[in-house]
Structures are given as C-alpha cells and as structure tokens.
Amino acid sequence: MLKWNGGGNPTTLIMKKYLIIQDTVVKGEKVQAGSVVELDEQEGNALVGYNKAELHVAKKTVKTDRSVGLEESEAPKVSKRKAKK
C-alpha cells in the first residue's frame, strides 16, 4: 500500500537559463525566438526535447585595456573650435 508522506519532502526546483530557438509558449506566455528565459529544469528539458530551446551558456567577456603600455601620445594636441562672437 502506498502512503502519503504528508508533504515532508518538498521538491527542489533547479532553475536554469534556456535560449529559445523557436517561438513557443512558456508558463502561459508567448516567448519569441532568441529570448533567454529562466525555467525549472523539468520544463526546460521538455523544451529541449521538442527542439524549441537549448541550454544558455553565458559568454565571459574579458575586459581589455588597450592603453596600458601607452605613456605619451605622439599626436599633436587637438585644436578646438573657437567661440563665435
């Protein structure tokens, strides 16, 4: 016989970001292709199975400071326009 545990063990939802490939409906709302939405893992896996979404991988951007080695500029000083009288 099956026994009900009284709701003692709540289900844990793991939220992940998914990139929508085709227009679809998620949680009752229309979502355009190219959007990134945060869904629970179960619903996200269903959309991946239907080829409507894929797991979103964030790109890491590396900040490059191109003026690090530049000490002095050899260019002449910029002349600004003079005010009209």
C-alpha atoms as a PDB file:
ATOM      1  CA  MET A   1       0.000   0.000   0.000  1.00  0.00           C
ATOM      2  CA  LEU A   2       1.250   3.485  -0.836  1.00  0.00           C
ATOM      3  CA  LYS A   3       1.483   6.015   1.953  1.00  0.00           C
ATOM      4  CA  TRP A   4       1.454   9.763   1.660  1.00  0.00           C
ATOM      5  CA  ASN A   5       4.408  11.385   3.412  1.00  0.00           C
ATOM      6  CA  GLY A   6       2.427  14.483   4.356  1.00  0.00           C
ATOM      7  CA  GLY A   7       4.439  16.757   2.101  1.00  0.00           C
ATOM      8  CA  GLY A   8       7.525  16.452   4.278  1.00  0.00           C
ATOM      9  CA  ASN A   9       9.964  16.365   1.383  1.00  0.00           C
ATOM     10  CA  PRO A  10       9.323  19.358  -0.876  1.00  0.00           C
ATOM     11  CA  THR A  11      10.555  19.118  -4.419  1.00  0.00           C
ATOM     12  CA  THR A  12      13.531  21.298  -5.114  1.00  0.00           C
ATOM     13  CA  LEU A  13      13.379  23.287  -8.323  1.00  0.00           C
ATOM     14  CA  ILE A  14      16.652  23.849 -10.069  1.00  0.00           C
ATOM     15  CA  MET A  15      16.359  26.959 -12.212  1.00  0.00           C
ATOM     16  CA  LYS A  16      18.459  27.258 -15.364  1.00  0.00           C
ATOM     17  CA  LYS A  17      18.584  29.688 -18.264  1.00  0.00           C
ATOM     18  CA  TYR A  18      17.461  28.496 -21.692  1.00  0.00           C
ATOM     19  CA  LEU A  19      17.836  30.130 -25.106  1.00  0.00           C
ATOM     20  CA  ILE A  20      14.577  29.878 -27.061  1.00  0.00           C
ATOM     21  CA  ILE A  21      15.176  28.674 -30.644  1.00  0.00           C
ATOM     22  CA  GLN A  22      11.590  28.767 -31.969  1.00  0.00           C
ATOM     23  CA  ASP A  23       8.610  30.886 -30.906  1.00  0.00           C
ATOM     24  CA  THR A  24       6.749  28.986 -28.203  1.00  0.00           C
ATOM     25  CA  VAL A  25       4.594  29.353 -25.097  1.00  0.00           C
ATOM     26  CA  VAL A  26       6.282  29.134 -21.695  1.00  0.00           C
ATOM     27  CA  LYS A  27       4.294  29.330 -18.449  1.00  0.00           C
ATOM     28  CA  GLY A  28       1.281  30.641 -20.363  1.00  0.00           C
ATOM     29  CA  GLU A  29       3.190  33.469 -22.061  1.00  0.00           C
ATOM     30  CA  LYS A  30       4.372  33.704 -25.660  1.00  0.00           C
ATOM     31  CA  VAL A  31       8.156  33.819 -25.965  1.00  0.00           C
ATOM     32  CA  GLN A  32       9.979  34.988 -29.087  1.00  0.00           C
ATOM     33  CA  ALA A  33      12.910  33.118 -30.638  1.00  0.00           C
ATOM     34  CA  GLY A  34      16.256  34.450 -29.409  1.00  0.00           C
ATOM     35  CA  SER A  35      14.989  35.219 -25.901  1.00  0.00           C
ATOM     36  CA  VAL A  36      16.718  33.878 -22.806  1.00  0.00           C
ATOM     37  CA  VAL A  37      14.310  32.680 -20.121  1.00  0.00           C
ATOM     38  CA  GLU A  38      14.871  31.145 -16.699  1.00  0.00           C
ATOM     39  CA  LEU A  39      12.913  27.915 -16.266  1.00  0.00           C
ATOM     40  CA  ASP A  40      12.895  24.999 -13.902  1.00  0.00           C
ATOM     41  CA  GLU A  41      14.955  22.077 -15.130  1.00  0.00           C
ATOM     42  CA  GLN A  42      11.990  19.815 -15.879  1.00  0.00           C
ATOM     43  CA  GLU A  43      10.184  22.302 -18.138  1.00  0.00           C
ATOM     44  CA  GLY A  44      13.455  23.339 -19.786  1.00  0.00           C
ATOM     45  CA  ASN A  45      14.351  19.743 -20.607  1.00  0.00           C
ATOM     46  CA  ALA A  46      10.918  19.268 -22.190  1.00  0.00           C
ATOM     47  CA  LEU A  47      11.508  22.279 -24.475  1.00  0.00           C
ATOM     48  CA  VAL A  48      14.974  20.970 -25.356  1.00  0.00           C
ATOM     49  CA  GLY A  49      13.371  17.646 -26.259  1.00  0.00           C
ATOM     50  CA  TYR A  50      10.941  19.427 -28.596  1.00  0.00           C
ATOM     51  CA  ASN A  51      13.883  21.320 -30.199  1.00  0.00           C
ATOM     52  CA  LYS A  52      12.359  24.628 -29.111  1.00  0.00           C
ATOM     53  CA  ALA A  53      15.148  25.627 -26.682  1.00  0.00           C
ATOM     54  CA  GLU A  54      18.722  24.927 -25.720  1.00  0.00           C
ATOM     55  CA  LEU A  55      20.710  25.466 -22.551  1.00  0.00           C
ATOM     56  CA  HIS A  56      22.074  29.018 -22.425  1.00  0.00           C
ATOM     57  CA  VAL A  57      25.812  29.359 -21.870  1.00  0.00           C
ATOM     58  CA  ALA A  58      26.869  32.849 -20.843  1.00  0.00           C
ATOM     59  CA  LYS A  59      29.887  34.181 -22.683  1.00  0.00           C
ATOM     60  CA  LYS A  60      32.631  35.553 -20.495  1.00  0.00           C
ATOM     61  CA  THR A  61      33.820  38.948 -21.635  1.00  0.00           C
ATOM     62  CA  VAL A  62      37.395  39.820 -20.902  1.00  0.00           C
ATOM     63  CA  LYS A  63      37.965  43.492 -20.321  1.00  0.00           C
ATOM     64  CA  THR A  64      41.000  44.617 -22.238  1.00  0.00           C
ATOM     65  CA  ASP A  65      42.631  47.917 -21.526  1.00  0.00           C
ATOM     66  CA  ARG A  66      44.490  48.728 -24.698  1.00  0.00           C
ATOM     67  CA  SER A  67      46.150  51.835 -23.293  1.00  0.00           C
ATOM     68  CA  VAL A  68      48.167  50.029 -20.646  1.00  0.00           C
ATOM     69  CA  GLY A  69      51.567  50.387 -22.334  1.00  0.00           C
ATOM     70  CA  LEU A  70      50.909  53.852 -23.736  1.00  0.00           C
ATOM     71  CA  GLU A  71      52.865  56.508 -21.868  1.00  0.00           C
ATOM     72  CA  GLU A  72      52.744  59.524 -24.161  1.00  0.00           C
ATOM     73  CA  SER A  73      50.928  60.288 -27.331  1.00  0.00           C
ATOM     74  CA  GLU A  74      52.981  61.439 -30.328  1.00  0.00           C
ATOM     75  CA  ALA A  75      49.945  63.023 -31.984  1.00  0.00           C
ATOM     76  CA  PRO A  76      49.689  66.806 -31.975  1.00  0.00           C
ATOM     77  CA  LYS A  77      47.346  68.447 -29.486  1.00  0.00           C
ATOM     78  CA  VAL A  78      43.767  68.634 -30.732  1.00  0.00           C
ATOM     79  CA  SER A  79      42.625  72.170 -31.538  1.00  0.00           C
ATOM     80  CA  LYS A  80      39.052  73.001 -30.605  1.00  0.00           C
ATOM     81  CA  ARG A  81      36.731  75.410 -32.362  1.00  0.00           C
ATOM     82  CA  LYS A  82      36.753  78.939 -31.144  1.00  0.00           C
ATOM     83  CA  ALA A  83      33.550  80.503 -29.892  1.00  0.00           C
ATOM     84  CA  LYS A  84      31.736  82.889 -32.250  1.00  0.00           C
ATOM     85  CA  LYS A  85      31.294  86.453 -31.101  1.00  0.00           C
END
